[in-house]
PDB file of N, CA and C in Angstrom:
ATOM      1  N   UNK A   1       5.536 -48.974  -6.358  1.00  0.00           N
ATOM      2  CA  UNK A   1       4.253 -48.377  -6.021  1.00  0.00           C
ATOM      3  C   UNK A   1       4.362 -47.496  -4.782  1.00  0.00           C
ATOM      4  N   UNK A   2       5.099 -47.959  -3.769  1.00  0.00           N
ATOM      5  CA  UNK A   2       5.281 -47.208  -2.531  1.00  0.00           C
ATOM      6  C   UNK A   2       6.066 -45.925  -2.742  1.00  0.00           C
ATOM      7  N   UNK A   3       7.118 -46.001  -3.623  1.00  0.00           N
ATOM      8  CA  UNK A   3       7.920 -44.818  -3.909  1.00  0.00           C
ATOM      9  C   UNK A   3       7.103 -43.765  -4.634  1.00  0.00           C
ATOM     10  N   UNK A   4       6.295 -44.179  -5.572  1.00  0.00           N
ATOM     11  CA  UNK A   4       5.462 -43.232  -6.321  1.00  0.00           C
ATOM     12  C   UNK A   4       4.496 -42.512  -5.384  1.00  0.00           C
ATOM     13  N   UNK A   5       3.940 -43.234  -4.445  1.00  0.00           N
ATOM     14  CA  UNK A   5       3.025 -42.633  -3.476  1.00  0.00           C
ATOM     15  C   UNK A   5       3.744 -41.609  -2.589  1.00  0.00           C
ATOM     16  N   UNK A   6       4.951 -41.928  -2.167  1.00  0.00           N
ATOM     17  CA  UNK A   6       5.741 -40.997  -1.354  1.00  0.00           C
ATOM     18  C   UNK A   6       6.075 -39.743  -2.161  1.00  0.00           C
ATOM     19  N   UNK A   7       6.460 -39.904  -3.432  1.00  0.00           N
ATOM     20  CA  UNK A   7       6.768 -38.760  -4.288  1.00  0.00           C
ATOM     21  C   UNK A   7       5.542 -37.870  -4.492  1.00  0.00           C
ATOM     22  N   UNK A   8       4.395 -38.486  -4.686  1.00  0.00           N
ATOM     23  CA  UNK A   8       3.165 -37.708  -4.870  1.00  0.00           C
ATOM     24  C   UNK A   8       2.843 -36.916  -3.603  1.00  0.00           C
ATOM     25  N   UNK A   9       3.015 -37.533  -2.452  1.00  0.00           N
ATOM     26  CA  UNK A   9       2.753 -36.848  -1.183  1.00  0.00           C
ATOM     27  C   UNK A   9       3.735 -35.685  -0.995  1.00  0.00           C
ATOM     28  N   UNK A  10       5.017 -35.904  -1.292  1.00  0.00           N
ATOM     29  CA  UNK A  10       6.010 -34.832  -1.165  1.00  0.00           C
ATOM     30  C   UNK A  10       5.709 -33.673  -2.121  1.00  0.00           C
ATOM     31  N   UNK A  11       5.323 -33.972  -3.337  1.00  0.00           N
ATOM     32  CA  UNK A  11       4.974 -32.922  -4.306  1.00  0.00           C
ATOM     33  C   UNK A  11       3.760 -32.136  -3.823  1.00  0.00           C
ATOM     34  N   UNK A  12       2.780 -32.829  -3.272  1.00  0.00           N
ATOM     35  CA  UNK A  12       1.592 -32.145  -2.752  1.00  0.00           C
ATOM     36  C   UNK A  12       1.957 -31.215  -1.589  1.00  0.00           C
ATOM     37  N   UNK A  13       2.849 -31.659  -0.716  1.00  0.00           N
ATOM     38  CA  UNK A  13       3.276 -30.820   0.404  1.00  0.00           C
ATOM     39  C   UNK A  13       4.016 -29.587  -0.101  1.00  0.00           C
ATOM     40  N   UNK A  14       4.909 -29.762  -1.052  1.00  0.00           N
ATOM     41  CA  UNK A  14       5.652 -28.631  -1.615  1.00  0.00           C
ATOM     42  C   UNK A  14       4.701 -27.648  -2.295  1.00  0.00           C
ATOM     43  N   UNK A  15       3.741 -28.138  -3.030  1.00  0.00           N
ATOM     44  CA  UNK A  15       2.772 -27.258  -3.695  1.00  0.00           C
ATOM     45  C   UNK A  15       1.936 -26.490  -2.666  1.00  0.00           C
ATOM     46  N   UNK A  16       1.550 -27.152  -1.590  1.00  0.00           N
ATOM     47  CA  UNK A  16       0.770 -26.480  -0.544  1.00  0.00           C
ATOM     48  C   UNK A  16       1.594 -25.367   0.105  1.00  0.00           C
ATOM     49  N   UNK A  17       2.875 -25.612   0.357  1.00  0.00           N
ATOM     50  CA  UNK A  17       3.746 -24.585   0.922  1.00  0.00           C
ATOM     51  C   UNK A  17       3.916 -23.412  -0.039  1.00  0.00           C
ATOM     52  N   UNK A  18       4.055 -23.695  -1.317  1.00  0.00           N
ATOM     53  CA  UNK A  18       4.207 -22.645  -2.324  1.00  0.00           C
ATOM     54  C   UNK A  18       2.953 -21.779  -2.412  1.00  0.00           C
ATOM     55  N   UNK A  19       1.791 -22.394  -2.446  1.00  0.00           N
ATOM     56  CA  UNK A  19       0.532 -21.649  -2.508  1.00  0.00           C
ATOM     57  C   UNK A  19       0.349 -20.805  -1.252  1.00  0.00           C
ATOM     58  N   UNK A  20       0.701 -21.338  -0.096  1.00  0.00           N
ATOM     59  CA  UNK A  20       0.593 -20.584   1.156  1.00  0.00           C
ATOM     60  C   UNK A  20       1.520 -19.372   1.142  1.00  0.00           C
ATOM     61  N   UNK A  21       2.733 -19.526   0.652  1.00  0.00           N
ATOM     62  CA  UNK A  21       3.691 -18.413   0.604  1.00  0.00           C
ATOM     63  C   UNK A  21       3.212 -17.316  -0.340  1.00  0.00           C
ATOM     64  N   UNK A  22       2.684 -17.693  -1.494  1.00  0.00           N
ATOM     65  CA  UNK A  22       2.198 -16.702  -2.462  1.00  0.00           C
ATOM     66  C   UNK A  22       0.979 -15.972  -1.911  1.00  0.00           C
ATOM     67  N   UNK A  23       0.085 -16.658  -1.254  1.00  0.00           N
ATOM     68  CA  UNK A  23      -1.108 -16.026  -0.676  1.00  0.00           C
ATOM     69  C   UNK A  23      -0.711 -15.042   0.425  1.00  0.00           C
ATOM     70  N   UNK A  24       0.283 -15.378   1.219  1.00  0.00           N
ATOM     71  CA  UNK A  24       0.760 -14.478   2.263  1.00  0.00           C
ATOM     72  C   UNK A  24       1.361 -13.209   1.696  1.00  0.00           C
ATOM     73  N   UNK A  25       2.061 -13.297   0.578  1.00  0.00           N
ATOM     74  CA  UNK A  25       2.644 -12.126  -0.070  1.00  0.00           C
ATOM     75  C   UNK A  25       1.559 -11.207  -0.589  1.00  0.00           C
ATOM     76  N   UNK A  26       0.555 -11.745  -1.220  1.00  0.00           N
ATOM     77  CA  UNK A  26      -0.531 -10.928  -1.758  1.00  0.00           C
ATOM     78  C   UNK A  26      -1.270 -10.203  -0.642  1.00  0.00           C
ATOM     79  N   UNK A  27      -1.502 -10.872   0.470  1.00  0.00           N
ATOM     80  CA  UNK A  27      -2.204 -10.249   1.579  1.00  0.00           C
ATOM     81  C   UNK A  27      -1.374  -9.166   2.245  1.00  0.00           C
ATOM     82  N   UNK A  28      -0.069  -9.374   2.384  1.00  0.00           N
ATOM     83  CA  UNK A  28       0.763  -8.379   3.051  1.00  0.00           C
ATOM     84  C   UNK A  28       0.889  -7.118   2.204  1.00  0.00           C
ATOM     85  N   UNK A  29       0.849  -7.236   0.883  1.00  0.00           N
ATOM     86  CA  UNK A  29       0.906  -6.064   0.016  1.00  0.00           C
ATOM     87  C   UNK A  29      -0.315  -5.184   0.250  1.00  0.00           C
ATOM     88  N   UNK A  30      -1.469  -5.786   0.353  1.00  0.00           N
ATOM     89  CA  UNK A  30      -2.688  -5.030   0.612  1.00  0.00           C
ATOM     90  C   UNK A  30      -2.672  -4.373   1.978  1.00  0.00           C
ATOM     91  N   UNK A  31      -2.111  -5.052   2.970  1.00  0.00           N
ATOM     92  CA  UNK A  31      -2.028  -4.492   4.319  1.00  0.00           C
ATOM     93  C   UNK A  31      -1.076  -3.296   4.328  1.00  0.00           C
ATOM     94  N   UNK A  32       0.078  -3.431   3.666  1.00  0.00           N
ATOM     95  CA  UNK A  32       1.019  -2.304   3.598  1.00  0.00           C
ATOM     96  C   UNK A  32       0.373  -1.103   2.941  1.00  0.00           C
ATOM     97  N   UNK A  33      -0.390  -1.339   1.909  1.00  0.00           N
ATOM     98  CA  UNK A  33      -1.079  -0.256   1.202  1.00  0.00           C
ATOM     99  C   UNK A  33      -2.096   0.426   2.123  1.00  0.00           C
ATOM    100  N   UNK A  34      -2.872  -0.345   2.840  1.00  0.00           N
ATOM    101  CA  UNK A  34      -3.864   0.223   3.745  1.00  0.00           C
ATOM    102  C   UNK A  34      -3.205   1.018   4.870  1.00  0.00           C
ATOM    103  N   UNK A  35      -2.065   0.560   5.341  1.00  0.00           N
ATOM    104  CA  UNK A  35      -1.346   1.280   6.398  1.00  0.00           C
ATOM    105  C   UNK A  35      -0.883   2.633   5.880  1.00  0.00           C
ATOM    106  N   UNK A  36      -0.317   2.680   4.673  1.00  0.00           N
ATOM    107  CA  UNK A  36       0.129   3.952   4.105  1.00  0.00           C
ATOM    108  C   UNK A  36      -1.047   4.899   3.882  1.00  0.00           C
ATOM    109  N   UNK A  37      -2.183   4.378   3.430  1.00  0.00           N
ATOM    110  CA  UNK A  37      -3.366   5.219   3.242  1.00  0.00           C
ATOM    111  C   UNK A  37      -3.847   5.799   4.579  1.00  0.00           C
ATOM    112  N   UNK A  38      -3.877   4.968   5.598  1.00  0.00           N
ATOM    113  CA  UNK A  38      -4.350   5.423   6.910  1.00  0.00           C
ATOM    114  C   UNK A  38      -3.390   6.442   7.512  1.00  0.00           C
ATOM    115  N   UNK A  39      -2.082   6.214   7.405  1.00  0.00           N
ATOM    116  CA  UNK A  39      -1.107   7.164   7.924  1.00  0.00           C
ATOM    117  C   UNK A  39      -1.242   8.517   7.226  1.00  0.00           C
ATOM    118  N   UNK A  40      -1.406   8.498   5.912  1.00  0.00           N
ATOM    119  CA  UNK A  40      -1.554   9.739   5.159  1.00  0.00           C
ATOM    120  C   UNK A  40      -2.831  10.464   5.559  1.00  0.00           C
ATOM    121  N   UNK A  41      -3.927   9.731   5.698  1.00  0.00           N
ATOM    122  CA  UNK A  41      -5.196  10.343   6.093  1.00  0.00           C
ATOM    123  C   UNK A  41      -5.093  10.963   7.487  1.00  0.00           C
ATOM    124  N   UNK A  42      -4.435  10.289   8.418  1.00  0.00           N
ATOM    125  CA  UNK A  42      -4.281  10.832   9.763  1.00  0.00           C
ATOM    126  C   UNK A  42      -3.419  12.085   9.766  1.00  0.00           C
ATOM    127  N   UNK A  43      -2.388  12.111   8.931  1.00  0.00           N
ATOM    128  CA  UNK A  43      -1.574  13.321   8.813  1.00  0.00           C
ATOM    129  C   UNK A  43      -2.394  14.475   8.253  1.00  0.00           C
ATOM    130  N   UNK A  44      -3.237  14.187   7.266  1.00  0.00           N
ATOM    131  CA  UNK A  44      -4.090  15.230   6.691  1.00  0.00           C
ATOM    132  C   UNK A  44      -5.110  15.729   7.704  1.00  0.00           C
ATOM    133  N   UNK A  45      -5.640  14.839   8.504  1.00  0.00           N
ATOM    134  CA  UNK A  45      -6.629  15.230   9.519  1.00  0.00           C
ATOM    135  C   UNK A  45      -6.053  16.224  10.519  1.00  0.00           C
ATOM    136  N   UNK A  46      -4.783  16.074  10.865  1.00  0.00           N
ATOM    137  CA  UNK A  46      -4.182  16.924  11.893  1.00  0.00           C
ATOM    138  C   UNK A  46      -3.365  18.077  11.313  1.00  0.00           C
ATOM    139  N   UNK A  47      -3.299  18.198   9.998  1.00  0.00           N
ATOM    140  CA  UNK A  47      -2.469  19.227   9.363  1.00  0.00           C
ATOM    141  C   UNK A  47      -3.122  20.606   9.442  1.00  0.00           C
ATOM    142  N   UNK A  48      -2.267  21.619   9.473  1.00  0.00           N
ATOM    143  CA  UNK A  48      -2.724  23.018   9.450  1.00  0.00           C
ATOM    144  C   UNK A  48      -2.142  23.676   8.201  1.00  0.00           C
ATOM    145  N   UNK A  49      -2.720  24.793   7.753  1.00  0.00           N
ATOM    146  CA  UNK A  49      -2.197  25.461   6.550  1.00  0.00           C
ATOM    147  C   UNK A  49      -0.706  25.782   6.684  1.00  0.00           C
ATOM    148  N   UNK A  50       0.008  25.568   5.593  1.00  0.00           N
ATOM    149  CA  UNK A  50       1.444  25.807   5.559  1.00  0.00           C
ATOM    150  C   UNK A  50       2.276  24.558   5.781  1.00  0.00           C
ATOM    151  N   UNK A  51       1.646  23.467   6.175  1.00  0.00           N
ATOM    152  CA  UNK A  51       2.383  22.220   6.407  1.00  0.00           C
ATOM    153  C   UNK A  51       2.609  21.480   5.100  1.00  0.00           C
ATOM    154  N   UNK A  52       3.755  20.847   5.005  1.00  0.00           N
ATOM    155  CA  UNK A  52       4.059  19.928   3.917  1.00  0.00           C
ATOM    156  C   UNK A  52       4.644  18.665   4.529  1.00  0.00           C
ATOM    157  N   UNK A  53       4.295  17.529   3.974  1.00  0.00           N
ATOM    158  CA  UNK A  53       4.957  16.307   4.385  1.00  0.00           C
ATOM    159  C   UNK A  53       5.271  15.473   3.166  1.00  0.00           C
ATOM    160  N   UNK A  54       6.252  14.608   3.329  1.00  0.00           N
ATOM    161  CA  UNK A  54       6.819  13.857   2.209  1.00  0.00           C
ATOM    162  C   UNK A  54       6.500  12.380   2.363  1.00  0.00           C
ATOM    163  N   UNK A  55       6.117  11.765   1.249  1.00  0.00           N
ATOM    164  CA  UNK A  55       5.947  10.308   1.189  1.00  0.00           C
ATOM    165  C   UNK A  55       6.993   9.801   0.207  1.00  0.00           C
ATOM    166  N   UNK A  56       8.070   9.166   0.700  1.00  0.00           N
ATOM    167  CA  UNK A  56       9.107   8.675  -0.215  1.00  0.00           C
ATOM    168  C   UNK A  56       8.562   7.565  -1.111  1.00  0.00           C
ATOM    169  N   UNK A  57       9.012   7.551  -2.354  1.00  0.00           N
ATOM    170  CA  UNK A  57       8.554   6.493  -3.268  1.00  0.00           C
ATOM    171  C   UNK A  57       9.125   5.137  -2.861  1.00  0.00           C
ATOM    172  N   UNK A  58      10.374   5.120  -2.419  1.00  0.00           N
ATOM    173  CA  UNK A  58      10.962   3.876  -1.915  1.00  0.00           C
ATOM    174  C   UNK A  58      10.690   3.853  -0.417  1.00  0.00           C
ATOM    175  N   UNK A  59       9.632   3.161  -0.043  1.00  0.00           N
ATOM    176  CA  UNK A  59       9.105   3.189   1.308  1.00  0.00           C
ATOM    177  C   UNK A  59       9.277   1.824   1.935  1.00  0.00           C
ATOM    178  N   UNK A  60       9.291   1.775   3.255  1.00  0.00           N
ATOM    179  CA  UNK A  60       9.405   0.487   3.946  1.00  0.00           C
ATOM    180  C   UNK A  60       8.210  -0.412   3.634  1.00  0.00           C
ATOM    181  N   UNK A  61       7.069   0.198   3.288  1.00  0.00           N
ATOM    182  CA  UNK A  61       5.877  -0.566   2.945  1.00  0.00           C
ATOM    183  C   UNK A  61       5.852  -1.044   1.502  1.00  0.00           C
ATOM    184  N   UNK A  62       6.861  -0.690   0.716  1.00  0.00           N
ATOM    185  CA  UNK A  62       6.921  -1.058  -0.691  1.00  0.00           C
ATOM    186  C   UNK A  62       7.158   0.173  -1.551  1.00  0.00           C
ATOM    187  N   UNK A  63       7.195  -0.004  -2.869  1.00  0.00           N
ATOM    188  CA  UNK A  63       7.409   1.115  -3.779  1.00  0.00           C
ATOM    189  C   UNK A  63       6.075   1.819  -4.019  1.00  0.00           C
ATOM    190  N   UNK A  64       6.004   3.083  -3.646  1.00  0.00           N
ATOM    191  CA  UNK A  64       4.786   3.877  -3.803  1.00  0.00           C
ATOM    192  C   UNK A  64       4.813   4.498  -5.197  1.00  0.00           C
ATOM    193  N   UNK A  65       3.868   4.119  -6.051  1.00  0.00           N
ATOM    194  CA  UNK A  65       3.854   4.655  -7.410  1.00  0.00           C
ATOM    195  C   UNK A  65       2.786   5.716  -7.624  1.00  0.00           C
ATOM    196  N   UNK A  66       1.846   5.879  -6.690  1.00  0.00           N
ATOM    197  CA  UNK A  66       0.842   6.937  -6.838  1.00  0.00           C
ATOM    198  C   UNK A  66       0.230   7.306  -5.496  1.00  0.00           C
ATOM    199  N   UNK A  67      -0.087   8.600  -5.368  1.00  0.00           N
ATOM    200  CA  UNK A  67      -0.830   9.117  -4.217  1.00  0.00           C
ATOM    201  C   UNK A  67      -1.897  10.032  -4.791  1.00  0.00           C
ATOM    202  N   UNK A  68      -3.160   9.690  -4.583  1.00  0.00           N
ATOM    203  CA  UNK A  68      -4.273  10.467  -5.124  1.00  0.00           C
ATOM    204  C   UNK A  68      -5.236  10.842  -3.998  1.00  0.00           C
ATOM    205  N   UNK A  69      -5.821  12.019  -4.141  1.00  0.00           N
ATOM    206  CA  UNK A  69      -6.860  12.475  -3.220  1.00  0.00           C
ATOM    207  C   UNK A  69      -8.114  12.707  -4.051  1.00  0.00           C
ATOM    208  N   UNK A  70      -9.139  11.866  -3.829  1.00  0.00           N
ATOM    209  CA  UNK A  70     -10.391  11.981  -4.586  1.00  0.00           C
ATOM    210  C   UNK A  70     -11.570  11.753  -3.662  1.00  0.00           C
ATOM    211  N   UNK A  71     -12.549  12.625  -3.779  1.00  0.00           N
ATOM    212  CA  UNK A  71     -13.816  12.453  -3.048  1.00  0.00           C
ATOM    213  C   UNK A  71     -13.613  12.266  -1.548  1.00  0.00           C
ATOM    214  N   UNK A  72     -12.647  12.972  -0.973  1.00  0.00           N
ATOM    215  CA  UNK A  72     -12.415  12.872   0.461  1.00  0.00           C
ATOM    216  C   UNK A  72     -11.720  11.605   0.897  1.00  0.00           C
ATOM    217  N   UNK A  73     -11.103  10.881  -0.041  1.00  0.00           N
ATOM    218  CA  UNK A  73     -10.381   9.650   0.273  1.00  0.00           C
ATOM    219  C   UNK A  73      -8.942   9.746  -0.210  1.00  0.00           C
ATOM    220  N   UNK A  74      -8.050   9.071   0.505  1.00  0.00           N
ATOM    221  CA  UNK A  74      -6.645   8.956   0.118  1.00  0.00           C
ATOM    222  C   UNK A  74      -6.471   7.606  -0.570  1.00  0.00           C
ATOM    223  N   UNK A  75      -5.880   7.619  -1.760  1.00  0.00           N
ATOM    224  CA  UNK A  75      -5.590   6.393  -2.499  1.00  0.00           C
ATOM    225  C   UNK A  75      -4.077   6.313  -2.701  1.00  0.00           C
ATOM    226  N   UNK A  76      -3.451   5.253  -2.216  1.00  0.00           N
ATOM    227  CA  UNK A  76      -2.008   5.067  -2.364  1.00  0.00           C
ATOM    228  C   UNK A  76      -1.776   3.777  -3.135  1.00  0.00           C
ATOM    229  N   UNK A  77      -1.056   3.878  -4.246  1.00  0.00           N
ATOM    230  CA  UNK A  77      -0.702   2.702  -5.040  1.00  0.00           C
ATOM    231  C   UNK A  77       0.663   2.184  -4.626  1.00  0.00           C
ATOM    232  N   UNK A  78       0.742   0.912  -4.249  1.00  0.00           N
ATOM    233  CA  UNK A  78       1.988   0.312  -3.776  1.00  0.00           C
ATOM    234  C   UNK A  78       2.321  -0.906  -4.625  1.00  0.00           C
ATOM    235  N   UNK A  79       3.573  -0.973  -5.080  1.00  0.00           N
ATOM    236  CA  UNK A  79       4.070  -2.124  -5.843  1.00  0.00           C
ATOM    237  C   UNK A  79       3.155  -2.483  -7.016  1.00  0.00           C
ATOM    238  N   UNK A  80       2.773  -1.479  -7.797  1.00  0.00           N
ATOM    239  CA  UNK A  80       1.891  -1.649  -8.963  1.00  0.00           C
ATOM    240  C   UNK A  80       0.552  -2.274  -8.595  1.00  0.00           C
ATOM    241  N   UNK A  81       0.143  -2.128  -7.360  1.00  0.00           N
ATOM    242  CA  UNK A  81      -1.146  -2.615  -6.876  1.00  0.00           C
ATOM    243  C   UNK A  81      -2.009  -1.389  -6.653  1.00  0.00           C
ATOM    244  N   UNK A  82      -3.024  -1.216  -7.484  1.00  0.00           N
ATOM    245  CA  UNK A  82      -3.852  -0.026  -7.440  1.00  0.00           C
ATOM    246  C   UNK A  82      -4.822  -0.072  -6.268  1.00  0.00           C
ATOM    247  N   UNK A  83      -4.994   1.076  -5.621  1.00  0.00           N
ATOM    248  CA  UNK A  83      -5.917   1.164  -4.497  1.00  0.00           C
ATOM    249  C   UNK A  83      -7.347   1.247  -5.010  1.00  0.00           C
ATOM    250  N   UNK A  84      -8.226   0.470  -4.463  1.00  0.00           N
ATOM    251  CA  UNK A  84      -9.618   0.460  -4.903  1.00  0.00           C
ATOM    252  C   UNK A  84     -10.544   1.173  -3.923  1.00  0.00           C
ATOM    253  N   UNK A  85     -10.271   1.040  -2.646  1.00  0.00           N
ATOM    254  CA  UNK A  85     -11.184   1.542  -1.626  1.00  0.00           C
ATOM    255  C   UNK A  85     -10.761   2.900  -1.078  1.00  0.00           C
ATOM    256  N   UNK A  86      -9.488   3.094  -0.821  1.00  0.00           N
ATOM    257  CA  UNK A  86      -9.005   4.334  -0.234  1.00  0.00           C
ATOM    258  C   UNK A  86      -9.323   4.410   1.245  1.00  0.00           C
ATOM    259  N   UNK A  87      -8.923   5.550   1.847  1.00  0.00           N
ATOM    260  CA  UNK A  87      -9.180   5.776   3.267  1.00  0.00           C
ATOM    261  C   UNK A  87      -9.653   7.215   3.421  1.00  0.00           C
ATOM    262  N   UNK A  88     -10.746   7.449   4.133  1.00  0.00           N
ATOM    263  CA  UNK A  88     -11.292   8.811   4.215  1.00  0.00           C
ATOM    264  C   UNK A  88     -10.429   9.732   5.080  1.00  0.00           C
ATOM    265  N   UNK A  89     -10.378  10.998   4.670  1.00  0.00           N
ATOM    266  CA  UNK A  89      -9.725  12.026   5.484  1.00  0.00           C
ATOM    267  C   UNK A  89     -10.678  13.211   5.594  1.00  0.00           C
ATOM    268  N   UNK A  90     -10.498  13.982   6.661  1.00  0.00           N
ATOM    269  CA  UNK A  90     -11.381  15.107   6.919  1.00  0.00           C
ATOM    270  C   UNK A  90     -10.523  16.339   7.174  1.00  0.00           C
ATOM    271  N   UNK A  91     -10.618  17.312   6.300  1.00  0.00           N
ATOM    272  CA  UNK A  91      -9.920  18.574   6.494  1.00  0.00           C
ATOM    273  C   UNK A  91     -10.715  19.670   5.816  1.00  0.00           C
ATOM    274  N   UNK A  92     -10.647  20.857   6.367  1.00  0.00           N
ATOM    275  CA  UNK A  92     -11.354  21.973   5.753  1.00  0.00           C
ATOM    276  C   UNK A  92     -10.411  22.821   4.910  1.00  0.00           C
ATOM    277  N   UNK A  93      -9.158  22.370   4.809  1.00  0.00           N
ATOM    278  CA  UNK A  93      -8.157  23.108   4.050  1.00  0.00           C
ATOM    279  C   UNK A  93      -7.945  22.477   2.678  1.00  0.00           C
ATOM    280  N   UNK A  94      -7.315  23.222   1.809  1.00  0.00           N
ATOM    281  CA  UNK A  94      -6.994  22.733   0.471  1.00  0.00           C
ATOM    282  C   UNK A  94      -5.726  21.876   0.546  1.00  0.00           C
ATOM    283  N   UNK A  95      -5.759  20.724  -0.112  1.00  0.00           N
ATOM    284  CA  UNK A  95      -4.627  19.796  -0.083  1.00  0.00           C
ATOM    285  C   UNK A  95      -4.189  19.523  -1.517  1.00  0.00           C
ATOM    286  N   UNK A  96      -2.865  19.541  -1.735  1.00  0.00           N
ATOM    287  CA  UNK A  96      -2.298  19.324  -3.060  1.00  0.00           C
ATOM    288  C   UNK A  96      -1.195  18.274  -2.964  1.00  0.00           C
ATOM    289  N   UNK A  97      -1.102  17.399  -3.967  1.00  0.00           N
ATOM    290  CA  UNK A  97      -0.052  16.378  -4.005  1.00  0.00           C
ATOM    291  C   UNK A  97       0.800  16.619  -5.246  1.00  0.00           C
ATOM    292  N   UNK A  98       2.111  16.748  -5.039  1.00  0.00           N
ATOM    293  CA  UNK A  98       3.059  16.907  -6.152  1.00  0.00           C
ATOM    294  C   UNK A  98       3.912  15.651  -6.266  1.00  0.00           C
ATOM    295  N   UNK A  99       4.074  15.178  -7.495  1.00  0.00           N
ATOM    296  CA  UNK A  99       4.917  14.013  -7.769  1.00  0.00           C
ATOM    297  C   UNK A  99       6.293  14.512  -8.183  1.00  0.00           C
ATOM    298  N   UNK A 100       7.294  14.244  -7.354  1.00  0.00           N
ATOM    299  CA  UNK A 100       8.672  14.599  -7.671  1.00  0.00           C
ATOM    300  C   UNK A 100       9.448  13.324  -7.954  1.00  0.00           C
ATOM    301  N   UNK A 101      10.728  13.431  -8.240  1.00  0.00           N
ATOM    302  CA  UNK A 101      11.526  12.282  -8.678  1.00  0.00           C
ATOM    303  C   UNK A 101      11.488  11.113  -7.713  1.00  0.00           C
ATOM    304  N   UNK A 102      11.786  11.360  -6.453  1.00  0.00           N
ATOM    305  CA  UNK A 102      11.908  10.261  -5.489  1.00  0.00           C
ATOM    306  C   UNK A 102      10.871  10.313  -4.378  1.00  0.00           C
ATOM    307  N   UNK A 103       9.900  11.233  -4.502  1.00  0.00           N
ATOM    308  CA  UNK A 103       8.939  11.403  -3.404  1.00  0.00           C
ATOM    309  C   UNK A 103       7.668  12.056  -3.887  1.00  0.00           C
ATOM    310  N   UNK A 104       6.650  11.974  -3.042  1.00  0.00           N
ATOM    311  CA  UNK A 104       5.412  12.726  -3.219  1.00  0.00           C
ATOM    312  C   UNK A 104       5.376  13.770  -2.110  1.00  0.00           C
ATOM    313  N   UNK A 105       5.081  15.010  -2.478  1.00  0.00           N
ATOM    314  CA  UNK A 105       5.002  16.091  -1.502  1.00  0.00           C
ATOM    315  C   UNK A 105       3.526  16.473  -1.352  1.00  0.00           C
ATOM    316  N   UNK A 106       3.019  16.383  -0.134  1.00  0.00           N
ATOM    317  CA  UNK A 106       1.630  16.722   0.161  1.00  0.00           C
ATOM    318  C   UNK A 106       1.655  18.072   0.878  1.00  0.00           C
ATOM    319  N   UNK A 107       0.971  19.071   0.278  1.00  0.00           N
ATOM    320  CA  UNK A 107       0.936  20.434   0.820  1.00  0.00           C
ATOM    321  C   UNK A 107      -0.470  20.776   1.272  1.00  0.00           C
ATOM    322  N   UNK A 108      -0.553  21.410   2.432  1.00  0.00           N
ATOM    323  CA  UNK A 108      -1.837  21.859   2.961  1.00  0.00           C
ATOM    324  C   UNK A 108      -1.819  23.372   2.973  1.00  0.00           C
ATOM    325  N   UNK A 109      -2.884  23.972   2.395  1.00  0.00           N
ATOM    326  CA  UNK A 109      -2.964  25.451   2.381  1.00  0.00           C
ATOM    327  C   UNK A 109      -4.367  25.912   2.704  1.00  0.00           C
TER     328      UNK A 109
END
């Protein structure tokens, strides 16, 4: 009876650690995505016509699979996690995003 109780307690502890680790991974993915969106928006805010900047698909924040500009917001998809909220940017210039093999090229004109 005592051994069974110890085994149940150990299993519960292991399950709690596993759930905590998985929850931390899900939260960090969202944070990395928000950081990339904010960095891109800040670059767009300070850009002048003729500037181009590159967002590598294999990024320190994860694998970037999409960069979209809609309704004055930057949406960056990271690790097959689609952006729902986006981050606002303010520019009076035209901005274009090109998807190339290993990167996204953002052009301001």
